[in-house]
Amino acid sequence: MPINPVKHLSFPLVHLTPHTAHATIEGRSCLWLAIYCLVVDTHEVTAKQVVRRINKLDPTAHVVNKVGSHHKWLIKGHCTAIIPMHIGDIPVGTLASIRRQGAHCLGPRWI
């Protein structure tokens, strides 16, 4: 009987993907020799949802510059975040970057 390494984890599971051998857990990269792998913070978010969240947390936020499909938002008068206004979901790495840009003004887990 195969051992399930996910069963004994002490932190909450967000999403399991089958047939994946690599994961990042609490900033540490891991290689598992199992069928399941933990993937943290991979929820699908669109640019429109990010803009709605910015406007909900700071009604005074506004676009200060547009270059192509990228909008530069001014948040709470001194923070900026660049949002790619593409159709579809924002890639995980891009979403992490947007989260870091707004974290100083909106809190670390604002998205």
Protein backbone atom coordinates (compact mmCIF):
# COMPACT_ATOMS: atom_id res chain seq x y z
CA MET A 1 0.00 0.00 0.00
CA PRO A 2 1.52 3.40 -0.99
CA ILE A 3 2.11 6.00 1.72
CA ASN A 4 0.29 9.32 1.36
CA PRO A 5 2.71 12.05 2.58
CA VAL A 6 -0.02 14.70 2.43
CA LYS A 7 -2.03 12.97 5.16
CA HIS A 8 0.36 13.94 7.98
CA LEU A 9 0.92 17.64 7.18
CA SER A 10 0.42 20.12 10.02
CA PHE A 11 -0.77 23.04 7.87
CA PRO A 12 -4.01 23.40 5.87
CA LEU A 13 -4.21 22.05 2.35
CA VAL A 14 -5.28 24.46 -0.35
CA HIS A 15 -5.16 22.40 -3.52
CA LEU A 16 -3.87 18.99 -4.52
CA THR A 17 -2.72 18.27 -8.05
CA PRO A 18 -2.15 14.71 -9.25
CA HIS A 19 1.06 13.60 -10.96
CA THR A 20 3.16 16.53 -9.75
CA ALA A 21 6.54 15.93 -8.18
CA HIS A 22 7.62 19.43 -7.10
CA ALA A 23 6.13 21.82 -4.54
CA THR A 24 6.97 24.91 -2.55
CA ILE A 25 5.89 24.71 1.09
CA GLU A 26 6.40 27.72 3.36
CA GLY A 27 9.09 29.05 1.03
CA ARG A 28 10.96 25.74 0.88
CA SER A 29 11.20 23.78 -2.32
CA CYS A 30 10.42 20.07 -1.97
CA LEU A 31 10.56 17.05 -4.22
CA TRP A 32 8.08 14.33 -3.40
CA LEU A 33 8.12 10.84 -4.77
CA ALA A 34 4.38 10.48 -4.55
CA ILE A 35 1.28 10.87 -6.69
CA TYR A 36 0.06 14.05 -5.00
CA CYS A 37 1.74 17.37 -4.43
CA LEU A 38 0.68 20.38 -2.40
CA VAL A 39 0.22 23.61 -4.33
CA VAL A 40 -0.34 26.70 -2.17
CA ASP A 41 -2.06 29.93 -3.31
CA THR A 42 -2.95 28.95 -6.85
CA HIS A 43 -6.49 30.27 -6.95
CA GLU A 44 -7.45 31.70 -10.31
CA VAL A 45 -7.86 35.47 -10.36
CA THR A 46 -8.58 37.79 -13.28
CA ALA A 47 -7.42 41.40 -13.67
CA LYS A 48 -11.00 42.56 -13.28
CA GLN A 49 -11.23 40.85 -9.87
CA VAL A 50 -7.96 42.48 -8.74
CA VAL A 51 -9.24 45.92 -9.76
CA ARG A 52 -12.52 45.33 -7.90
CA ARG A 53 -10.56 44.33 -4.79
CA ILE A 54 -8.37 47.45 -5.01
CA ASN A 55 -11.46 49.66 -5.34
CA LYS A 56 -13.15 47.91 -2.42
CA LEU A 57 -10.16 48.37 -0.10
CA ASP A 58 -9.35 51.91 -1.30
CA PRO A 59 -12.14 53.82 -3.09
CA THR A 60 -9.69 56.65 -3.88
CA ALA A 61 -7.36 54.35 -5.89
CA HIS A 62 -7.07 55.27 -9.56
CA VAL A 63 -5.08 54.61 -12.72
CA VAL A 64 -2.18 57.04 -13.12
CA ASN A 65 -0.56 55.60 -16.26
CA LYS A 66 -1.35 53.13 -19.04
CA VAL A 67 1.27 51.51 -21.23
CA GLY A 68 -0.27 49.05 -23.64
CA SER A 69 -2.47 46.70 -21.60
CA HIS A 70 -0.70 47.42 -18.30
CA HIS A 71 -2.31 49.89 -15.89
CA LYS A 72 -0.39 51.57 -13.09
CA TRP A 73 -2.63 52.11 -10.06
CA LEU A 74 -1.99 54.64 -7.28
CA ILE A 75 -3.21 53.16 -4.00
CA LYS A 76 -3.75 55.24 -0.84
CA GLY A 77 -1.78 58.10 -2.35
CA HIS A 78 1.69 56.55 -2.22
CA CYS A 79 1.71 52.86 -3.27
CA THR A 80 1.66 51.75 -6.87
CA ALA A 81 0.71 48.42 -8.42
CA ILE A 82 0.97 47.49 -12.07
CA ILE A 83 -1.93 45.32 -13.22
CA PRO A 84 -1.78 43.56 -16.62
CA MET A 85 -5.30 43.97 -18.03
CA HIS A 86 -5.23 40.77 -20.09
CA ILE A 87 -8.16 38.45 -20.72
CA GLY A 88 -8.17 35.33 -18.57
CA ASP A 89 -6.45 34.42 -15.34
CA ILE A 90 -3.34 36.17 -14.06
CA PRO A 91 -0.38 33.74 -13.80
CA VAL A 92 0.60 32.72 -10.26
CA GLY A 93 3.98 34.52 -10.33
CA THR A 94 2.42 37.73 -11.67
CA LEU A 95 -0.27 37.57 -9.00
CA ALA A 96 2.41 37.19 -6.32
CA SER A 97 4.17 40.27 -7.70
CA ILE A 98 0.94 42.30 -7.64
CA ARG A 99 0.33 41.11 -4.07
CA ARG A 100 3.81 42.31 -3.02
CA GLN A 101 3.32 45.70 -4.70
CA GLY A 102 0.10 46.39 -2.79
CA ALA A 103 1.06 44.73 0.49
CA HIS A 104 2.55 47.89 2.05
CA CYS A 105 -0.75 49.78 1.73
CA LEU A 106 -3.40 47.05 1.70
CA GLY A 107 -1.91 44.35 3.93
CA PRO A 108 0.07 41.21 3.12
CA ARG A 109 -2.91 39.02 2.12
CA TRP A 110 -5.08 41.57 0.31
CA ILE A 111 -5.61 39.37 -2.77
